[in-house]
Amino acid sequence: FHFVIATREGPDFTREDLRAQDELLEFTSSDLAFSENDVRQVLDAMGALSIGESEISRLTDRTEGWPLAVELALKWSLGHQKKTREISDFSGRTIDLARYLSEQILAGLPQDVQTFLLNISILQRINGDLAKAVTQIQDSWARLEKLGQQNIFLLPMDSSSDWFRFHPLVAEFLTDRLARTESSGYIDNLHQRAARWFAAHGYLGEALAHATIAQDNLYKADLLEEAG
């Protein structure tokens, strides 16, 4: 027998024995991502022959080959004359994609998980200790690992899954939602916590970046003076 399972998150049964015996074939989101050639074929099928190779490359990079985002970006772009500019401007704040992310994914999560995601969306890269410092939630490692296993928003940056990141379009959607729901002082506080964590762990560049966003000039001065 062959069983085919299609699911947003990993099936809740042990797979390691099957994987060890070479009886398991897995296709993840990275396997399903569109290449430039795939995007070109979609364009051909849509009759969008006026979009050039540079725009195809830009679109593939912008969406990281996410099929849904590619389709939405093309449909959104083809209704405008300035196609190059429109593809470049396509973002997580674009209405169709934002509606999909909000209705199909974010709305189905518990409120505390939604808040957790919004708060860590300010970070270019995330691990459990950093997320704990920013959100002040003790089980941040467990939350990140669960979200990674569920293929919701977060992508592992290495094989050990020590660091995660958001898809760029998802990050834009979440940071926009955060700005709409929280005060600037609240968001500045998140950046200040991130700056202090990065500084304490020797990541001066990222510490300065977050301190800059928070307009924490005194702390920036302290960092620069300490670094010589």
Protein backbone atom coordinates (compact mmCIF):
# COMPACT_ATOMS: atom_id res chain seq x y z
CA PHE A 1 0.00 0.00 0.00
CA HIS A 2 1.00 3.61 -0.59
CA PHE A 3 -0.47 6.39 1.55
CA VAL A 4 -0.46 9.98 0.29
CA ILE A 5 -0.97 12.63 2.96
CA ALA A 6 -1.32 16.32 2.16
CA THR A 7 -1.37 18.58 5.20
CA ARG A 8 -0.38 22.06 6.34
CA GLU A 9 1.39 20.63 9.40
CA GLY A 10 3.32 17.40 9.95
CA PRO A 11 1.17 14.29 10.61
CA ASP A 12 0.90 13.32 14.26
CA PHE A 13 2.63 9.94 14.04
CA THR A 14 6.22 8.74 14.28
CA ARG A 15 8.00 9.05 10.95
CA GLU A 16 11.62 8.39 11.90
CA ASP A 17 11.37 4.59 11.44
CA LEU A 18 9.84 5.04 8.00
CA ARG A 19 12.50 7.62 7.09
CA ALA A 20 15.32 5.32 8.30
CA GLN A 21 13.97 2.43 6.22
CA ASP A 22 13.68 4.65 3.15
CA GLU A 23 9.92 4.13 3.09
CA LEU A 24 9.00 7.80 3.39
CA LEU A 25 9.02 10.41 0.64
CA GLU A 26 8.47 13.97 1.84
CA PHE A 27 7.79 17.11 -0.17
CA THR A 28 8.09 20.31 1.84
CA SER A 29 7.35 23.91 0.93
CA SER A 30 10.91 24.33 -0.37
CA ASP A 31 10.40 21.40 -2.76
CA LEU A 32 7.18 22.95 -4.05
CA ALA A 33 8.61 26.44 -4.55
CA PHE A 34 8.52 27.78 -8.12
CA SER A 35 11.74 28.32 -10.04
CA GLU A 36 12.09 31.13 -12.58
CA ASN A 37 11.20 28.61 -15.28
CA ASP A 38 8.04 27.64 -13.40
CA VAL A 39 7.06 31.31 -13.11
CA ARG A 40 7.70 31.75 -16.83
CA GLN A 41 5.34 28.85 -17.59
CA VAL A 42 2.65 30.41 -15.40
CA LEU A 43 3.08 33.68 -17.29
CA ASP A 44 2.75 31.89 -20.60
CA ALA A 45 -0.43 30.18 -19.43
CA MET A 46 -1.84 33.57 -18.39
CA GLY A 47 -0.85 35.13 -21.69
CA ALA A 48 1.36 37.67 -19.91
CA LEU A 49 4.07 37.75 -22.55
CA SER A 50 4.93 41.40 -21.95
CA ILE A 51 6.69 40.72 -18.64
CA GLY A 52 10.44 40.48 -19.24
CA GLU A 53 13.13 38.24 -17.82
CA SER A 54 14.31 40.78 -15.24
CA GLU A 55 10.75 41.08 -13.89
CA ILE A 56 10.44 37.28 -13.74
CA SER A 57 13.68 37.08 -11.77
CA ARG A 58 12.58 39.88 -9.46
CA LEU A 59 9.20 38.26 -8.88
CA THR A 60 10.74 34.86 -8.12
CA ASP A 61 13.15 36.42 -5.61
CA ARG A 62 10.45 38.59 -4.06
CA THR A 63 8.08 35.66 -3.46
CA GLU A 64 10.82 33.05 -2.90
CA GLY A 65 8.85 30.89 -5.32
CA TRP A 66 5.75 30.69 -3.09
CA PRO A 67 3.13 29.59 -5.67
CA LEU A 68 0.19 31.43 -4.13
CA ALA A 69 2.18 34.67 -3.85
CA VAL A 70 3.37 34.32 -7.46
CA GLU A 71 -0.20 33.96 -8.69
CA LEU A 72 -1.52 36.85 -6.60
CA ALA A 73 1.38 39.10 -7.62
CA LEU A 74 0.81 38.41 -11.31
CA LYS A 75 -2.94 38.95 -11.13
CA TRP A 76 -2.36 42.14 -9.17
CA SER A 77 0.29 43.36 -11.59
CA LEU A 78 -1.40 42.60 -14.88
CA GLY A 79 -4.17 45.03 -14.12
CA HIS A 80 -1.71 47.94 -14.20
CA GLN A 81 0.38 49.49 -16.93
CA LYS A 82 3.57 49.93 -14.90
CA LYS A 83 4.18 46.23 -14.49
CA THR A 84 7.82 46.43 -13.46
CA ARG A 85 7.09 48.87 -10.67
CA GLU A 86 4.03 46.98 -9.55
CA ILE A 87 5.86 43.63 -9.25
CA SER A 88 8.61 45.33 -7.27
CA ASP A 89 6.01 46.93 -5.00
CA PHE A 90 4.08 43.72 -4.34
CA SER A 91 4.29 43.06 -0.61
CA GLY A 92 2.68 41.39 2.38
CA ARG A 93 0.59 44.54 2.72
CA THR A 94 -1.04 44.01 -0.68
CA ILE A 95 -4.75 43.52 -0.05
CA ASP A 96 -5.25 40.08 -1.62
CA LEU A 97 -2.23 38.49 0.07
CA ALA A 98 -2.92 40.18 3.41
CA ARG A 99 -6.51 38.94 3.30
CA TYR A 100 -5.34 35.39 2.60
CA LEU A 101 -2.78 35.42 5.43
CA SER A 102 -5.28 36.93 7.82
CA GLU A 103 -8.28 34.76 7.02
CA GLN A 104 -6.67 31.44 6.14
CA ILE A 105 -3.82 31.27 8.64
CA LEU A 106 -3.64 33.95 11.33
CA ALA A 107 -7.33 33.92 12.28
CA GLY A 108 -7.20 30.18 12.97
CA LEU A 109 -4.51 30.52 15.62
CA PRO A 110 -5.13 31.14 19.34
CA GLN A 111 -4.91 34.80 20.33
CA ASP A 112 -1.74 34.30 22.38
CA VAL A 113 0.00 32.70 19.39
CA GLN A 114 -1.10 35.58 17.15
CA THR A 115 0.34 38.06 19.64
CA PHE A 116 3.56 36.07 19.85
CA LEU A 117 3.97 36.11 16.06
CA LEU A 118 3.24 39.82 15.81
CA ASN A 119 5.78 40.65 18.51
CA ILE A 120 8.63 38.63 16.97
CA SER A 121 7.86 39.91 13.45
CA ILE A 122 10.26 42.81 14.13
CA LEU A 123 13.17 40.34 14.00
CA GLN A 124 15.11 39.40 10.87
CA ARG A 125 16.12 36.14 12.49
CA ILE A 126 14.74 34.48 15.60
CA ASN A 127 15.70 31.84 18.12
CA GLY A 128 13.99 30.84 21.34
CA ASP A 129 16.21 32.84 23.67
CA LEU A 130 15.83 36.00 21.60
CA ALA A 131 12.06 35.50 21.31
CA LYS A 132 11.88 35.00 25.07
CA ALA A 133 13.76 38.27 25.66
CA VAL A 134 11.54 40.22 23.26
CA THR A 135 8.16 38.73 24.16
CA GLN A 136 8.92 37.79 27.79
CA ILE A 137 7.22 34.45 27.17
CA GLN A 138 9.01 31.61 28.91
CA ASP A 139 8.15 28.78 26.49
CA SER A 140 9.31 30.65 23.37
CA TRP A 141 11.54 27.78 22.21
CA ALA A 142 8.61 25.35 22.30
CA ARG A 143 6.38 27.83 20.45
CA LEU A 144 8.95 28.37 17.70
CA GLU A 145 9.51 24.65 17.24
CA LYS A 146 5.78 23.95 17.06
CA LEU A 147 5.19 26.75 14.55
CA GLY A 148 8.11 25.46 12.48
CA GLN A 149 6.70 21.93 12.51
CA GLN A 150 3.29 23.26 11.49
CA ASN A 151 4.85 25.17 8.56
CA ILE A 152 3.10 28.32 9.78
CA PHE A 153 4.93 31.51 8.88
CA LEU A 154 8.38 30.46 10.19
CA LEU A 155 11.16 28.87 8.14
CA PRO A 156 14.24 27.20 9.68
CA MET A 157 17.51 28.89 8.72
CA ASP A 158 19.73 25.86 9.43
CA SER A 159 19.48 22.09 9.70
CA SER A 160 19.51 22.21 13.50
CA SER A 161 16.56 24.64 13.56
CA ASP A 162 18.36 26.91 16.03
CA TRP A 163 17.40 29.99 14.02
CA PHE A 164 14.17 30.77 12.19
CA ARG A 165 13.03 33.53 9.88
CA PHE A 166 9.80 34.74 8.37
CA HIS A 167 9.09 34.64 4.66
CA PRO A 168 9.70 38.29 3.60
CA LEU A 169 6.09 38.80 2.48
CA VAL A 170 4.79 37.32 5.72
CA ALA A 171 7.11 39.56 7.75
CA GLU A 172 5.73 42.61 5.94
CA PHE A 173 2.17 41.51 6.64
CA LEU A 174 2.85 40.89 10.35
CA THR A 175 4.79 44.11 10.97
CA ASP A 176 2.05 46.08 9.23
CA ARG A 177 -0.56 44.37 11.42
CA LEU A 178 1.56 45.09 14.51
CA ALA A 179 1.79 48.78 13.59
CA ARG A 180 -1.99 48.92 13.16
CA THR A 181 -2.77 47.27 16.49
CA GLU A 182 -0.08 48.56 18.87
CA SER A 183 1.33 51.95 19.79
CA SER A 184 4.72 53.18 18.61
CA GLY A 185 5.93 53.09 22.22
CA TYR A 186 5.00 49.40 22.49
CA ILE A 187 6.89 48.57 19.29
CA ASP A 188 9.91 50.65 20.35
CA ASN A 189 10.02 48.64 23.56
CA LEU A 190 10.21 45.40 21.55
CA HIS A 191 13.12 46.79 19.54
CA GLN A 192 14.90 47.93 22.71
CA ARG A 193 14.67 44.44 24.17
CA ALA A 194 15.99 42.99 20.92
CA ALA A 195 18.86 45.49 20.87
CA ARG A 196 19.95 44.54 24.37
CA TRP A 197 19.78 40.81 23.66
CA PHE A 198 21.88 41.14 20.49
CA ALA A 199 24.40 43.35 22.27
CA ALA A 200 24.71 40.90 25.17
CA HIS A 201 25.45 38.09 22.70
CA GLY A 202 28.02 40.00 20.65
CA TYR A 203 25.90 40.94 17.62
CA LEU A 204 26.73 44.65 17.50
CA GLY A 205 25.31 45.35 14.04
CA GLU A 206 21.89 43.93 14.84
CA ALA A 207 21.89 45.63 18.25
CA LEU A 208 22.55 48.99 16.60
CA ALA A 209 19.87 48.36 13.98
CA HIS A 210 17.15 47.75 16.57
CA ALA A 211 18.33 50.65 18.75
CA THR A 212 18.13 52.88 15.68
CA ILE A 213 14.56 51.85 14.91
CA ALA A 214 13.61 52.47 18.55
CA GLN A 215 15.38 55.87 18.38
CA ASP A 216 17.29 54.86 21.49
CA ASN A 217 20.22 57.18 20.81
CA LEU A 218 21.73 57.05 24.29
CA TYR A 219 21.97 53.26 24.11
CA LYS A 220 23.46 53.50 20.60
CA ALA A 221 26.11 55.85 21.93
CA ASP A 222 26.91 53.42 24.76
CA LEU A 223 27.23 50.55 22.29
CA LEU A 224 29.56 52.48 20.00
CA GLU A 225 31.69 53.71 22.85
CA GLU A 226 32.00 50.22 24.30
CA ALA A 227 32.94 48.85 20.86
CA GLY A 228 35.62 51.47 20.44
